[in-house]
Amino acid sequence: MDQFRTEVKIDTSKEAINYHSRLFFMGSCFATNIGAFFNDHALNTLVNPFGVLYNPCSIANSLERVIKRKDFNEEEVFCQNGLFHSFYHHSQFSDVDQKVFLQNVNESLHNCYDFLSNTDVLVLTFGTAWVYEHRALGRIVSNCHKYPAKDFNRYRLEVDEIVERYLALIEAIRKINPGMRIIFTVSPVRHWKDGAHGNQLSKSTLLLSIDQLIKQADNCKYFPAYELLLDDLRDYRFFADDMLHPSQVAIGYIRDKFIETQFDSEAQQVLVQLAKLRKAAFHRPFNPETASHQSFVRKHISKVEAFQKQYSKIDLSIFRDLFGKQLV
């Protein structure tokens, strides 16, 4: 016997992503981890413009708000522990100044609309089917911002309500961007506060909902990030110290599978070359002012410029900046 794991087979996309594609990642922290990689490697990528969102309803609330281009106002902003925030946004947006908070979230909303209107691939990552509904407001929140638990009603979404909500949402998105493809994923991060069984019920709800959506909506696919960790890797070696989140090795493995099956061959080659440039850019010697390191930096700036000539439509300014800061 020479097979010691159950490898997950993934169909190669017939509409492959390339370096001209615009990618929009939205959802759980897993979406942030994957999306940030592509952003760091010069792909035209938008990642979680409302911050991390864990459940399908919060993601839908945010996208519906973007489609309507409805600005946030003072009545929707709350002050808790000296910080202003909204129930739509992750705490990364929170600010001591209400005007600054509103300016930032509304700027993000409008940028998101512009990007969504021209997005080629929208990747939605569901983390949990459990939601928190604010009792007084009567709506599901994206973040509780440390308000008392008694202020919320906690329950698990049903498959039918997720499917119904997203069929309407997809139709609304297609009105502003008819050609956009949607890739659904389920985060492999386990939500252990619900217990082993509660977590499985939650993930099952998400998986069943997505299965129905890709059957009923055009141009929607599923990428098995959840199965890659839980069925393919299937070992605590591939989890972080909390035994709930995937390790960096696991994230890299899942990301590589995404690239292998969703990107065209040229984009894959570009990613490999840019990964080498990025590694070189973050190389830090003990004495950065030495002639040898300065020669190293100039050599790689030349590589960036040569690469830019070969791929003129790729914005490599991030690499020029990384190397340029090291020149003395």
C-alpha atoms as a PDB file:
ATOM      1  CA  MET A   1       0.000   0.000   0.000  1.00  0.00           C
ATOM      2  CA  ASP A   2       1.463   3.362  -1.044  1.00  0.00           C
ATOM      3  CA  GLN A   3      -1.549   5.628  -0.481  1.00  0.00           C
ATOM      4  CA  PHE A   4      -1.772   7.002   3.058  1.00  0.00           C
ATOM      5  CA  ARG A   5      -4.353   9.754   2.685  1.00  0.00           C
ATOM      6  CA  THR A   6      -7.622  10.456   0.915  1.00  0.00           C
ATOM      7  CA  GLU A   7      -6.665  13.178  -1.538  1.00  0.00           C
ATOM      8  CA  VAL A   8      -9.470  15.532  -2.533  1.00  0.00           C
ATOM      9  CA  LYS A   9      -9.816  15.797  -6.304  1.00  0.00           C
ATOM     10  CA  ILE A  10     -10.740  19.251  -7.603  1.00  0.00           C
ATOM     11  CA  ASP A  11     -11.903  19.982 -11.131  1.00  0.00           C
ATOM     12  CA  THR A  12      -9.852  22.567 -12.987  1.00  0.00           C
ATOM     13  CA  SER A  13     -11.846  25.707 -13.745  1.00  0.00           C
ATOM     14  CA  LYS A  14     -12.842  26.150 -17.384  1.00  0.00           C
ATOM     15  CA  GLU A  15     -12.743  29.941 -16.870  1.00  0.00           C
ATOM     16  CA  ALA A  16      -9.307  30.297 -15.368  1.00  0.00           C
ATOM     17  CA  ILE A  17      -8.202  33.334 -13.390  1.00  0.00           C
ATOM     18  CA  ASN A  18      -5.362  35.351 -14.905  1.00  0.00           C
ATOM     19  CA  TYR A  19      -3.368  38.440 -13.948  1.00  0.00           C
ATOM     20  CA  HIS A  20      -5.960  40.686 -15.579  1.00  0.00           C
ATOM     21  CA  SER A  21      -8.720  39.306 -13.351  1.00  0.00           C
ATOM     22  CA  ARG A  22     -10.233  41.300 -10.491  1.00  0.00           C
ATOM     23  CA  LEU A  23     -10.759  39.169  -7.395  1.00  0.00           C
ATOM     24  CA  PHE A  24     -13.059  40.023  -4.499  1.00  0.00           C
ATOM     25  CA  PHE A  25     -12.716  37.966  -1.288  1.00  0.00           C
ATOM     26  CA  MET A  26     -15.344  38.316   1.407  1.00  0.00           C
ATOM     27  CA  GLY A  27     -16.182  36.379   4.560  1.00  0.00           C
ATOM     28  CA  SER A  28     -14.323  34.735   7.408  1.00  0.00           C
ATOM     29  CA  CYS A  29     -10.696  35.197   8.456  1.00  0.00           C
ATOM     30  CA  PHE A  30      -9.837  32.372   6.055  1.00  0.00           C
ATOM     31  CA  ALA A  31     -10.919  34.659   3.171  1.00  0.00           C
ATOM     32  CA  THR A  32      -8.580  37.312   4.554  1.00  0.00           C
ATOM     33  CA  ASN A  33      -5.652  34.875   4.719  1.00  0.00           C
ATOM     34  CA  ILE A  34      -6.095  33.693   1.140  1.00  0.00           C
ATOM     35  CA  GLY A  35      -7.050  37.058  -0.345  1.00  0.00           C
ATOM     36  CA  ALA A  36      -4.180  38.911   1.316  1.00  0.00           C
ATOM     37  CA  PHE A  37      -1.691  36.600  -0.388  1.00  0.00           C
ATOM     38  CA  PHE A  38      -2.969  37.531  -3.835  1.00  0.00           C
ATOM     39  CA  ASN A  39      -3.027  41.202  -2.915  1.00  0.00           C
ATOM     40  CA  ASP A  40       0.599  40.959  -1.789  1.00  0.00           C
ATOM     41  CA  HIS A  41       1.504  39.346  -5.113  1.00  0.00           C
ATOM     42  CA  ALA A  42       0.183  42.156  -7.318  1.00  0.00           C
ATOM     43  CA  LEU A  43      -3.196  40.702  -8.258  1.00  0.00           C
ATOM     44  CA  ASN A  44      -6.041  43.213  -8.462  1.00  0.00           C
ATOM     45  CA  THR A  45      -7.746  42.087  -5.258  1.00  0.00           C
ATOM     46  CA  LEU A  46     -10.221  43.484  -2.726  1.00  0.00           C
ATOM     47  CA  VAL A  47     -10.398  41.717   0.634  1.00  0.00           C
ATOM     48  CA  ASN A  48     -13.118  42.102   3.268  1.00  0.00           C
ATOM     49  CA  PRO A  49     -14.057  45.796   2.920  1.00  0.00           C
ATOM     50  CA  PHE A  50     -16.253  45.485   6.037  1.00  0.00           C
ATOM     51  CA  GLY A  51     -13.668  43.468   7.936  1.00  0.00           C
ATOM     52  CA  VAL A  52     -14.000  39.787   8.780  1.00  0.00           C
ATOM     53  CA  LEU A  53     -17.579  38.458   8.478  1.00  0.00           C
ATOM     54  CA  TYR A  54     -18.425  34.998   9.716  1.00  0.00           C
ATOM     55  CA  ASN A  55     -21.989  34.106   8.799  1.00  0.00           C
ATOM     56  CA  PRO A  56     -23.869  34.175   5.460  1.00  0.00           C
ATOM     57  CA  CYS A  57     -26.430  36.694   6.677  1.00  0.00           C
ATOM     58  CA  SER A  58     -23.835  39.291   7.682  1.00  0.00           C
ATOM     59  CA  ILE A  59     -22.092  38.893   4.327  1.00  0.00           C
ATOM     60  CA  ALA A  60     -25.423  39.334   2.539  1.00  0.00           C
ATOM     61  CA  ASN A  61     -26.317  42.397   4.646  1.00  0.00           C
ATOM     62  CA  SER A  62     -23.029  44.026   3.681  1.00  0.00           C
ATOM     63  CA  LEU A  63     -23.265  43.250  -0.028  1.00  0.00           C
ATOM     64  CA  GLU A  64     -26.870  44.477  -0.161  1.00  0.00           C
ATOM     65  CA  ARG A  65     -25.768  47.712   1.463  1.00  0.00           C
ATOM     66  CA  VAL A  66     -23.015  48.089  -1.131  1.00  0.00           C
ATOM     67  CA  ILE A  67     -25.393  47.471  -4.023  1.00  0.00           C
ATOM     68  CA  LYS A  68     -27.752  50.165  -2.701  1.00  0.00           C
ATOM     69  CA  ARG A  69     -24.792  52.521  -2.131  1.00  0.00           C
ATOM     70  CA  LYS A  70     -26.445  53.618   1.096  1.00  0.00           C
ATOM     71  CA  ASP A  71     -24.047  55.602   3.254  1.00  0.00           C
ATOM     72  CA  PHE A  72     -23.817  54.972   6.968  1.00  0.00           C
ATOM     73  CA  ASN A  73     -25.037  57.803   9.190  1.00  0.00           C
ATOM     74  CA  GLU A  74     -24.655  58.928  12.789  1.00  0.00           C
ATOM     75  CA  GLU A  75     -27.781  57.051  13.882  1.00  0.00           C
ATOM     76  CA  GLU A  76     -26.119  53.758  12.939  1.00  0.00           C
ATOM     77  CA  VAL A  77     -22.946  54.471  14.902  1.00  0.00           C
ATOM     78  CA  PHE A  78     -22.547  53.384  18.526  1.00  0.00           C
ATOM     79  CA  CYS A  79     -20.002  54.249  21.168  1.00  0.00           C
ATOM     80  CA  GLN A  80     -18.733  51.423  23.358  1.00  0.00           C
ATOM     81  CA  ASN A  81     -15.636  51.558  25.567  1.00  0.00           C
ATOM     82  CA  GLY A  82     -14.622  54.892  24.089  1.00  0.00           C
ATOM     83  CA  LEU A  83     -14.757  53.734  20.463  1.00  0.00           C
ATOM     84  CA  PHE A  84     -17.287  54.379  17.710  1.00  0.00           C
ATOM     85  CA  HIS A  85     -18.368  51.440  15.578  1.00  0.00           C
ATOM     86  CA  SER A  86     -21.320  49.899  13.750  1.00  0.00           C
ATOM     87  CA  PHE A  87     -22.885  46.479  13.861  1.00  0.00           C
ATOM     88  CA  TYR A  88     -22.009  46.089  10.171  1.00  0.00           C
ATOM     89  CA  HIS A  89     -18.261  46.346  10.661  1.00  0.00           C
ATOM     90  CA  HIS A  90     -15.386  44.511  12.260  1.00  0.00           C
ATOM     91  CA  SER A  91     -13.619  46.308  15.113  1.00  0.00           C
ATOM     92  CA  GLN A  92     -10.686  47.116  12.792  1.00  0.00           C
ATOM     93  CA  PHE A  93     -12.780  50.111  11.677  1.00  0.00           C
ATOM     94  CA  SER A  94     -13.531  51.346  15.207  1.00  0.00           C
ATOM     95  CA  ASP A  95     -12.276  54.845  15.984  1.00  0.00           C
ATOM     96  CA  VAL A  96     -12.329  57.378  18.821  1.00  0.00           C
ATOM     97  CA  ASP A  97     -13.666  59.986  16.381  1.00  0.00           C
ATOM     98  CA  GLN A  98     -17.174  59.469  15.036  1.00  0.00           C
ATOM     99  CA  LYS A  99     -16.589  61.580  11.921  1.00  0.00           C
ATOM    100  CA  VAL A 100     -13.405  59.700  11.065  1.00  0.00           C
ATOM    101  CA  PHE A 101     -15.214  56.389  11.547  1.00  0.00           C
ATOM    102  CA  LEU A 102     -18.050  57.413   9.204  1.00  0.00           C
ATOM    103  CA  GLN A 103     -15.626  58.774   6.639  1.00  0.00           C
ATOM    104  CA  ASN A 104     -13.653  55.518   6.611  1.00  0.00           C
ATOM    105  CA  VAL A 105     -16.612  53.146   6.395  1.00  0.00           C
ATOM    106  CA  ASN A 106     -18.392  55.179   3.714  1.00  0.00           C
ATOM    107  CA  GLU A 107     -15.230  55.489   1.652  1.00  0.00           C
ATOM    108  CA  SER A 108     -14.805  51.723   1.916  1.00  0.00           C
ATOM    109  CA  LEU A 109     -18.430  51.198   0.873  1.00  0.00           C
ATOM    110  CA  HIS A 110     -18.093  53.308  -2.281  1.00  0.00           C
ATOM    111  CA  ASN A 111     -14.768  51.725  -3.217  1.00  0.00           C
ATOM    112  CA  CYS A 112     -16.406  48.351  -2.737  1.00  0.00           C
ATOM    113  CA  TYR A 113     -19.260  49.243  -5.123  1.00  0.00           C
ATOM    114  CA  ASP A 114     -16.823  50.365  -7.798  1.00  0.00           C
ATOM    115  CA  PHE A 115     -14.787  47.202  -7.412  1.00  0.00           C
ATOM    116  CA  LEU A 116     -17.833  44.892  -7.283  1.00  0.00           C
ATOM    117  CA  SER A 117     -19.176  46.429 -10.493  1.00  0.00           C
ATOM    118  CA  ASN A 118     -16.053  45.231 -12.315  1.00  0.00           C
ATOM    119  CA  THR A 119     -15.179  42.087 -10.367  1.00  0.00           C
ATOM    120  CA  ASP A 120     -14.460  38.949 -12.365  1.00  0.00           C
ATOM    121  CA  VAL A 121     -14.531  36.462  -9.485  1.00  0.00           C
ATOM    122  CA  LEU A 122     -16.259  36.889  -6.124  1.00  0.00           C
ATOM    123  CA  VAL A 123     -15.066  34.408  -3.491  1.00  0.00           C
ATOM    124  CA  LEU A 124     -17.451  34.088  -0.521  1.00  0.00           C
ATOM    125  CA  THR A 125     -16.251  32.162   2.526  1.00  0.00           C
ATOM    126  CA  PHE A 126     -18.881  31.118   5.073  1.00  0.00           C
ATOM    127  CA  GLY A 127     -17.534  30.439   8.563  1.00  0.00           C
ATOM    128  CA  THR A 128     -20.563  29.578  10.674  1.00  0.00           C
ATOM    129  CA  ALA A 129     -24.343  29.304  10.437  1.00  0.00           C
ATOM    130  CA  TRP A 130     -24.740  30.676  13.975  1.00  0.00           C
ATOM    131  CA  VAL A 131     -25.826  34.311  14.163  1.00  0.00           C
ATOM    132  CA  TYR A 132     -26.402  37.013  16.768  1.00  0.00           C
ATOM    133  CA  GLU A 133     -29.599  39.041  16.385  1.00  0.00           C
ATOM    134  CA  HIS A 134     -29.730  42.309  18.281  1.00  0.00           C
ATOM    135  CA  ARG A 135     -32.961  42.198  20.268  1.00  0.00           C
ATOM    136  CA  ALA A 136     -33.701  45.935  20.207  1.00  0.00           C
ATOM    137  CA  LEU A 137     -32.744  46.472  16.569  1.00  0.00           C
ATOM    138  CA  GLY A 138     -34.291  43.222  15.378  1.00  0.00           C
ATOM    139  CA  ARG A 139     -31.488  42.391  12.956  1.00  0.00           C
ATOM    140  CA  ILE A 140     -28.434  40.152  12.723  1.00  0.00           C
ATOM    141  CA  VAL A 141     -25.142  41.858  13.506  1.00  0.00           C
ATOM    142  CA  SER A 142     -21.711  41.238  12.022  1.00  0.00           C
ATOM    143  CA  ASN A 143     -19.887  41.941  15.285  1.00  0.00           C
ATOM    144  CA  CYS A 144     -21.204  42.228  18.851  1.00  0.00           C
ATOM    145  CA  HIS A 145     -18.450  44.667  19.888  1.00  0.00           C
ATOM    146  CA  LYS A 146     -18.472  43.279  23.439  1.00  0.00           C
ATOM    147  CA  TYR A 147     -22.051  44.327  24.154  1.00  0.00           C
ATOM    148  CA  PRO A 148     -23.738  42.131  26.820  1.00  0.00           C
ATOM    149  CA  ALA A 149     -24.927  38.709  25.678  1.00  0.00           C
ATOM    150  CA  LYS A 150     -28.424  39.531  26.956  1.00  0.00           C
ATOM    151  CA  ASP A 151     -28.721  42.118  24.156  1.00  0.00           C
ATOM    152  CA  PHE A 152     -28.696  39.363  21.533  1.00  0.00           C
ATOM    153  CA  ASN A 153     -30.716  36.387  20.447  1.00  0.00           C
ATOM    154  CA  ARG A 154     -28.386  33.641  19.205  1.00  0.00           C
ATOM    155  CA  TYR A 155     -29.618  30.979  16.777  1.00  0.00           C
ATOM    156  CA  ARG A 156     -28.576  28.863  13.801  1.00  0.00           C
ATOM    157  CA  LEU A 157     -29.670  29.775  10.297  1.00  0.00           C
ATOM    158  CA  GLU A 158     -31.666  27.242   8.277  1.00  0.00           C
ATOM    159  CA  VAL A 159     -30.666  26.014   4.840  1.00  0.00           C
ATOM    160  CA  ASP A 160     -33.793  27.336   3.140  1.00  0.00           C
ATOM    161  CA  GLU A 161     -33.396  30.884   4.461  1.00  0.00           C
ATOM    162  CA  ILE A 162     -29.746  31.039   3.360  1.00  0.00           C
ATOM    163  CA  VAL A 163     -30.622  29.767  -0.121  1.00  0.00           C
ATOM    164  CA  GLU A 164     -33.556  32.127  -0.521  1.00  0.00           C
ATOM    165  CA  ARG A 165     -31.527  35.103   0.642  1.00  0.00           C
ATOM    166  CA  TYR A 166     -28.604  34.359  -1.673  1.00  0.00           C
ATOM    167  CA  LEU A 167     -30.657  33.654  -4.760  1.00  0.00           C
ATOM    168  CA  ALA A 168     -32.085  37.157  -4.403  1.00  0.00           C
ATOM    169  CA  LEU A 169     -28.637  38.592  -3.635  1.00  0.00           C
ATOM    170  CA  ILE A 170     -27.012  36.943  -6.662  1.00  0.00           C
ATOM    171  CA  GLU A 171     -29.772  38.306  -8.885  1.00  0.00           C
ATOM    172  CA  ALA A 172     -29.158  41.813  -7.500  1.00  0.00           C
ATOM    173  CA  ILE A 173     -25.386  41.526  -8.007  1.00  0.00           C
ATOM    174  CA  ARG A 174     -25.844  40.329 -11.580  1.00  0.00           C
ATOM    175  CA  LYS A 175     -27.800  43.491 -12.384  1.00  0.00           C
ATOM    176  CA  ILE A 176     -24.672  45.580 -11.857  1.00  0.00           C
ATOM    177  CA  ASN A 177     -22.194  42.922 -12.995  1.00  0.00           C
ATOM    178  CA  PRO A 178     -23.788  40.255 -15.235  1.00  0.00           C
ATOM    179  CA  GLY A 179     -20.592  38.373 -16.053  1.00  0.00           C
ATOM    180  CA  MET A 180     -19.183  37.920 -12.568  1.00  0.00           C
ATOM    181  CA  ARG A 181     -18.427  34.386 -11.380  1.00  0.00           C
ATOM    182  CA  ILE A 182     -18.970  33.356  -7.759  1.00  0.00           C
ATOM    183  CA  ILE A 183     -16.930  30.786  -5.877  1.00  0.00           C
ATOM    184  CA  PHE A 184     -18.327  29.634  -2.537  1.00  0.00           C
ATOM    185  CA  THR A 185     -16.132  28.118   0.144  1.00  0.00           C
ATOM    186  CA  VAL A 186     -16.623  26.997   3.735  1.00  0.00           C
ATOM    187  CA  SER A 187     -13.945  27.961   6.221  1.00  0.00           C
ATOM    188  CA  PRO A 188     -12.110  24.955   7.710  1.00  0.00           C
ATOM    189  CA  VAL A 189     -11.822  26.834  11.030  1.00  0.00           C
ATOM    190  CA  ARG A 190     -13.872  24.962  13.624  1.00  0.00           C
ATOM    191  CA  HIS A 191     -16.128  26.966  15.960  1.00  0.00           C
ATOM    192  CA  TRP A 192     -15.626  24.901  19.088  1.00  0.00           C
ATOM    193  CA  LYS A 193     -17.713  27.076  21.403  1.00  0.00           C
ATOM    194  CA  ASP A 194     -20.709  25.229  19.950  1.00  0.00           C
ATOM    195  CA  GLY A 195     -19.138  21.875  20.755  1.00  0.00           C
ATOM    196  CA  ALA A 196     -18.117  19.201  18.273  1.00  0.00           C
ATOM    197  CA  HIS A 197     -21.690  18.357  17.296  1.00  0.00           C
ATOM    198  CA  GLY A 198     -22.816  21.987  17.122  1.00  0.00           C
ATOM    199  CA  ASN A 199     -19.887  22.836  14.863  1.00  0.00           C
ATOM    200  CA  GLN A 200     -20.737  19.950  12.545  1.00  0.00           C
ATOM    201  CA  LEU A 201     -24.380  21.016  12.353  1.00  0.00           C
ATOM    202  CA  SER A 202     -23.265  24.541  11.495  1.00  0.00           C
ATOM    203  CA  LYS A 203     -20.820  23.466   8.784  1.00  0.00           C
ATOM    204  CA  SER A 204     -23.366  20.999   7.388  1.00  0.00           C
ATOM    205  CA  THR A 205     -25.912  23.804   7.120  1.00  0.00           C
ATOM    206  CA  LEU A 206     -23.440  25.886   5.156  1.00  0.00           C
ATOM    207  CA  LEU A 207     -22.445  23.011   2.875  1.00  0.00           C
ATOM    208  CA  LEU A 208     -26.049  22.076   2.121  1.00  0.00           C
ATOM    209  CA  SER A 209     -26.921  25.709   1.410  1.00  0.00           C
ATOM    210  CA  ILE A 210     -24.051  26.112  -1.042  1.00  0.00           C
ATOM    211  CA  ASP A 211     -24.935  22.837  -2.732  1.00  0.00           C
ATOM    212  CA  GLN A 212     -28.433  24.147  -3.388  1.00  0.00           C
ATOM    213  CA  LEU A 213     -27.157  27.518  -4.577  1.00  0.00           C
ATOM    214  CA  ILE A 214     -24.761  26.146  -7.183  1.00  0.00           C
ATOM    215  CA  LYS A 215     -27.598  23.961  -8.515  1.00  0.00           C
ATOM    216  CA  GLN A 216     -30.028  26.867  -8.796  1.00  0.00           C
ATOM    217  CA  ALA A 217     -27.818  29.841  -9.707  1.00  0.00           C
ATOM    218  CA  ASP A 218     -25.744  30.195 -12.870  1.00  0.00           C
ATOM    219  CA  ASN A 219     -21.981  30.682 -12.831  1.00  0.00           C
ATOM    220  CA  CYS A 220     -21.564  29.598  -9.204  1.00  0.00           C
ATOM    221  CA  LYS A 221     -19.022  27.001  -8.072  1.00  0.00           C
ATOM    222  CA  TYR A 222     -17.759  25.447  -4.865  1.00  0.00           C
ATOM    223  CA  PHE A 223     -14.120  25.192  -3.813  1.00  0.00           C
ATOM    224  CA  PRO A 224     -13.525  22.523  -1.113  1.00  0.00           C
ATOM    225  CA  ALA A 225     -11.307  24.413   1.349  1.00  0.00           C
ATOM    226  CA  TYR A 226     -13.130  22.709   4.244  1.00  0.00           C
ATOM    227  CA  GLU A 227     -12.594  19.227   2.839  1.00  0.00           C
ATOM    228  CA  LEU A 228      -8.951  19.864   1.989  1.00  0.00           C
ATOM    229  CA  LEU A 229      -8.136  20.373   5.656  1.00  0.00           C
ATOM    230  CA  LEU A 230     -10.578  17.978   7.294  1.00  0.00           C
ATOM    231  CA  ASP A 231     -10.410  15.106   4.774  1.00  0.00           C
ATOM    232  CA  ASP A 232      -7.216  15.519   2.760  1.00  0.00           C
ATOM    233  CA  LEU A 233      -4.693  16.736   5.350  1.00  0.00           C
ATOM    234  CA  ARG A 234      -6.719  15.322   8.266  1.00  0.00           C
ATOM    235  CA  ASP A 235      -4.017  15.554  10.913  1.00  0.00           C
ATOM    236  CA  TYR A 236      -3.398  17.829  13.891  1.00  0.00           C
ATOM    237  CA  ARG A 237       0.042  18.579  12.454  1.00  0.00           C
ATOM    238  CA  PHE A 238      -1.804  20.903  10.101  1.00  0.00           C
ATOM    239  CA  PHE A 239      -3.572  22.884  12.826  1.00  0.00           C
ATOM    240  CA  ALA A 240      -2.339  25.901  14.768  1.00  0.00           C
ATOM    241  CA  ASP A 241      -1.629  25.667  18.502  1.00  0.00           C
ATOM    242  CA  ASP A 242      -5.323  26.124  19.371  1.00  0.00           C
ATOM    243  CA  MET A 243      -6.109  22.954  17.351  1.00  0.00           C
ATOM    244  CA  LEU A 244      -8.970  24.825  15.666  1.00  0.00           C
ATOM    245  CA  HIS A 245      -7.392  27.086  13.045  1.00  0.00           C
ATOM    246  CA  PRO A 246      -5.343  25.735  10.131  1.00  0.00           C
ATOM    247  CA  SER A 247      -1.586  26.142  10.402  1.00  0.00           C
ATOM    248  CA  GLN A 248       0.333  28.301   7.955  1.00  0.00           C
ATOM    249  CA  VAL A 249       1.416  25.105   6.188  1.00  0.00           C
ATOM    250  CA  ALA A 250      -2.236  24.081   5.772  1.00  0.00           C
ATOM    251  CA  ILE A 251      -3.263  27.543   4.561  1.00  0.00           C
ATOM    252  CA  GLY A 252      -0.456  27.402   2.021  1.00  0.00           C
ATOM    253  CA  TYR A 253      -1.534  23.947   0.857  1.00  0.00           C
ATOM    254  CA  ILE A 254      -5.161  25.012   0.385  1.00  0.00           C
ATOM    255  CA  ARG A 255      -4.085  28.217  -1.341  1.00  0.00           C
ATOM    256  CA  ASP A 256      -1.822  26.258  -3.700  1.00  0.00           C
ATOM    257  CA  LYS A 257      -4.739  23.969  -4.573  1.00  0.00           C
ATOM    258  CA  PHE A 258      -6.831  27.038  -5.344  1.00  0.00           C
ATOM    259  CA  ILE A 259      -4.108  28.412  -7.611  1.00  0.00           C
ATOM    260  CA  GLU A 260      -3.544  25.038  -9.280  1.00  0.00           C
ATOM    261  CA  THR A 261      -7.215  24.568 -10.157  1.00  0.00           C
ATOM    262  CA  GLN A 262      -8.486  28.139 -10.654  1.00  0.00           C
ATOM    263  CA  PHE A 263      -5.575  29.997 -12.318  1.00  0.00           C
ATOM    264  CA  ASP A 264      -4.272  29.684 -15.850  1.00  0.00           C
ATOM    265  CA  SER A 265      -0.728  28.449 -16.437  1.00  0.00           C
ATOM    266  CA  GLU A 266       0.761  31.883 -17.144  1.00  0.00           C
ATOM    267  CA  ALA A 267      -0.688  33.360 -13.934  1.00  0.00           C
ATOM    268  CA  GLN A 268       0.706  30.416 -11.986  1.00  0.00           C
ATOM    269  CA  GLN A 269       4.167  31.076 -13.424  1.00  0.00           C
ATOM    270  CA  VAL A 270       3.889  34.785 -12.614  1.00  0.00           C
ATOM    271  CA  LEU A 271       2.939  33.976  -9.024  1.00  0.00           C
ATOM    272  CA  VAL A 272       6.000  31.754  -8.642  1.00  0.00           C
ATOM    273  CA  GLN A 273       8.308  34.490  -9.932  1.00  0.00           C
ATOM    274  CA  LEU A 274       6.708  37.200  -7.800  1.00  0.00           C
ATOM    275  CA  ALA A 275       6.902  34.958  -4.730  1.00  0.00           C
ATOM    276  CA  LYS A 276      10.680  34.783  -5.256  1.00  0.00           C
ATOM    277  CA  LEU A 277      10.886  38.565  -5.607  1.00  0.00           C
ATOM    278  CA  ARG A 278       8.800  39.076  -2.477  1.00  0.00           C
ATOM    279  CA  LYS A 279      10.997  36.691  -0.491  1.00  0.00           C
ATOM    280  CA  ALA A 280      14.064  38.609  -1.631  1.00  0.00           C
ATOM    281  CA  ALA A 281      12.409  41.922  -0.729  1.00  0.00           C
ATOM    282  CA  PHE A 282      11.894  40.799   2.867  1.00  0.00           C
ATOM    283  CA  HIS A 283      15.406  39.475   3.262  1.00  0.00           C
ATOM    284  CA  ARG A 284      17.010  41.482   6.061  1.00  0.00           C
ATOM    285  CA  PRO A 285      20.785  41.207   6.573  1.00  0.00           C
ATOM    286  CA  PHE A 286      22.509  42.206   9.796  1.00  0.00           C
ATOM    287  CA  ASN A 287      24.126  45.148   8.003  1.00  0.00           C
ATOM    288  CA  PRO A 288      21.819  46.487   5.262  1.00  0.00           C
ATOM    289  CA  GLU A 289      24.223  49.307   4.324  1.00  0.00           C
ATOM    290  CA  THR A 290      26.979  46.976   3.158  1.00  0.00           C
ATOM    291  CA  ALA A 291      28.019  47.099  -0.483  1.00  0.00           C
ATOM    292  CA  SER A 292      26.999  43.478  -0.976  1.00  0.00           C
ATOM    293  CA  HIS A 293      23.436  44.064   0.211  1.00  0.00           C
ATOM    294  CA  GLN A 294      23.082  47.277  -1.769  1.00  0.00           C
ATOM    295  CA  SER A 295      24.222  45.359  -4.836  1.00  0.00           C
ATOM    296  CA  PHE A 296      21.636  42.685  -3.992  1.00  0.00           C
ATOM    297  CA  VAL A 297      18.901  45.338  -3.790  1.00  0.00           C
ATOM    298  CA  ARG A 298      19.848  47.009  -7.077  1.00  0.00           C
ATOM    299  CA  LYS A 299      20.011  43.647  -8.812  1.00  0.00           C
ATOM    300  CA  HIS A 300      16.430  42.884  -7.726  1.00  0.00           C
ATOM    301  CA  ILE A 301      15.174  46.334  -8.659  1.00  0.00           C
ATOM    302  CA  SER A 302      16.490  45.568 -12.158  1.00  0.00           C
ATOM    303  CA  LYS A 303      14.609  42.265 -12.060  1.00  0.00           C
ATOM    304  CA  VAL A 304      11.408  44.074 -11.111  1.00  0.00           C
ATOM    305  CA  GLU A 305      11.848  46.551 -13.983  1.00  0.00           C
ATOM    306  CA  ALA A 306      12.509  43.743 -16.462  1.00  0.00           C
ATOM    307  CA  PHE A 307       9.477  41.882 -15.179  1.00  0.00           C
ATOM    308  CA  GLN A 308       7.398  45.064 -15.507  1.00  0.00           C
ATOM    309  CA  LYS A 309       8.381  45.393 -19.171  1.00  0.00           C
ATOM    310  CA  GLN A 310       7.348  41.807 -19.792  1.00  0.00           C
ATOM    311  CA  TYR A 311       4.013  42.217 -17.969  1.00  0.00           C
ATOM    312  CA  SER A 312       3.184  45.885 -18.492  1.00  0.00           C
ATOM    313  CA  LYS A 313      -0.389  45.668 -17.146  1.00  0.00           C
ATOM    314  CA  ILE A 314       0.627  44.296 -13.750  1.00  0.00           C
ATOM    315  CA  ASP A 315       1.149  46.930 -11.070  1.00  0.00           C
ATOM    316  CA  LEU A 316       4.510  46.117  -9.480  1.00  0.00           C
ATOM    317  CA  SER A 317       4.788  49.311  -7.440  1.00  0.00           C
ATOM    318  CA  ILE A 318       4.600  47.308  -4.193  1.00  0.00           C
ATOM    319  CA  PHE A 319       7.838  45.521  -5.146  1.00  0.00           C
ATOM    320  CA  ARG A 320       9.588  48.709  -6.256  1.00  0.00           C
ATOM    321  CA  ASP A 321       8.672  50.278  -2.915  1.00  0.00           C
ATOM    322  CA  LEU A 322       9.884  47.277  -0.900  1.00  0.00           C
ATOM    323  CA  PHE A 323      13.283  47.318  -2.560  1.00  0.00           C
ATOM    324  CA  GLY A 324      13.496  51.095  -2.882  1.00  0.00           C
ATOM    325  CA  LYS A 325      13.233  51.579   0.884  1.00  0.00           C
ATOM    326  CA  GLN A 326      16.411  49.548   1.317  1.00  0.00           C
ATOM    327  CA  LEU A 327      18.585  51.780  -0.840  1.00  0.00           C
ATOM    328  CA  VAL A 328      21.001  54.053   0.999  1.00  0.00           C
END
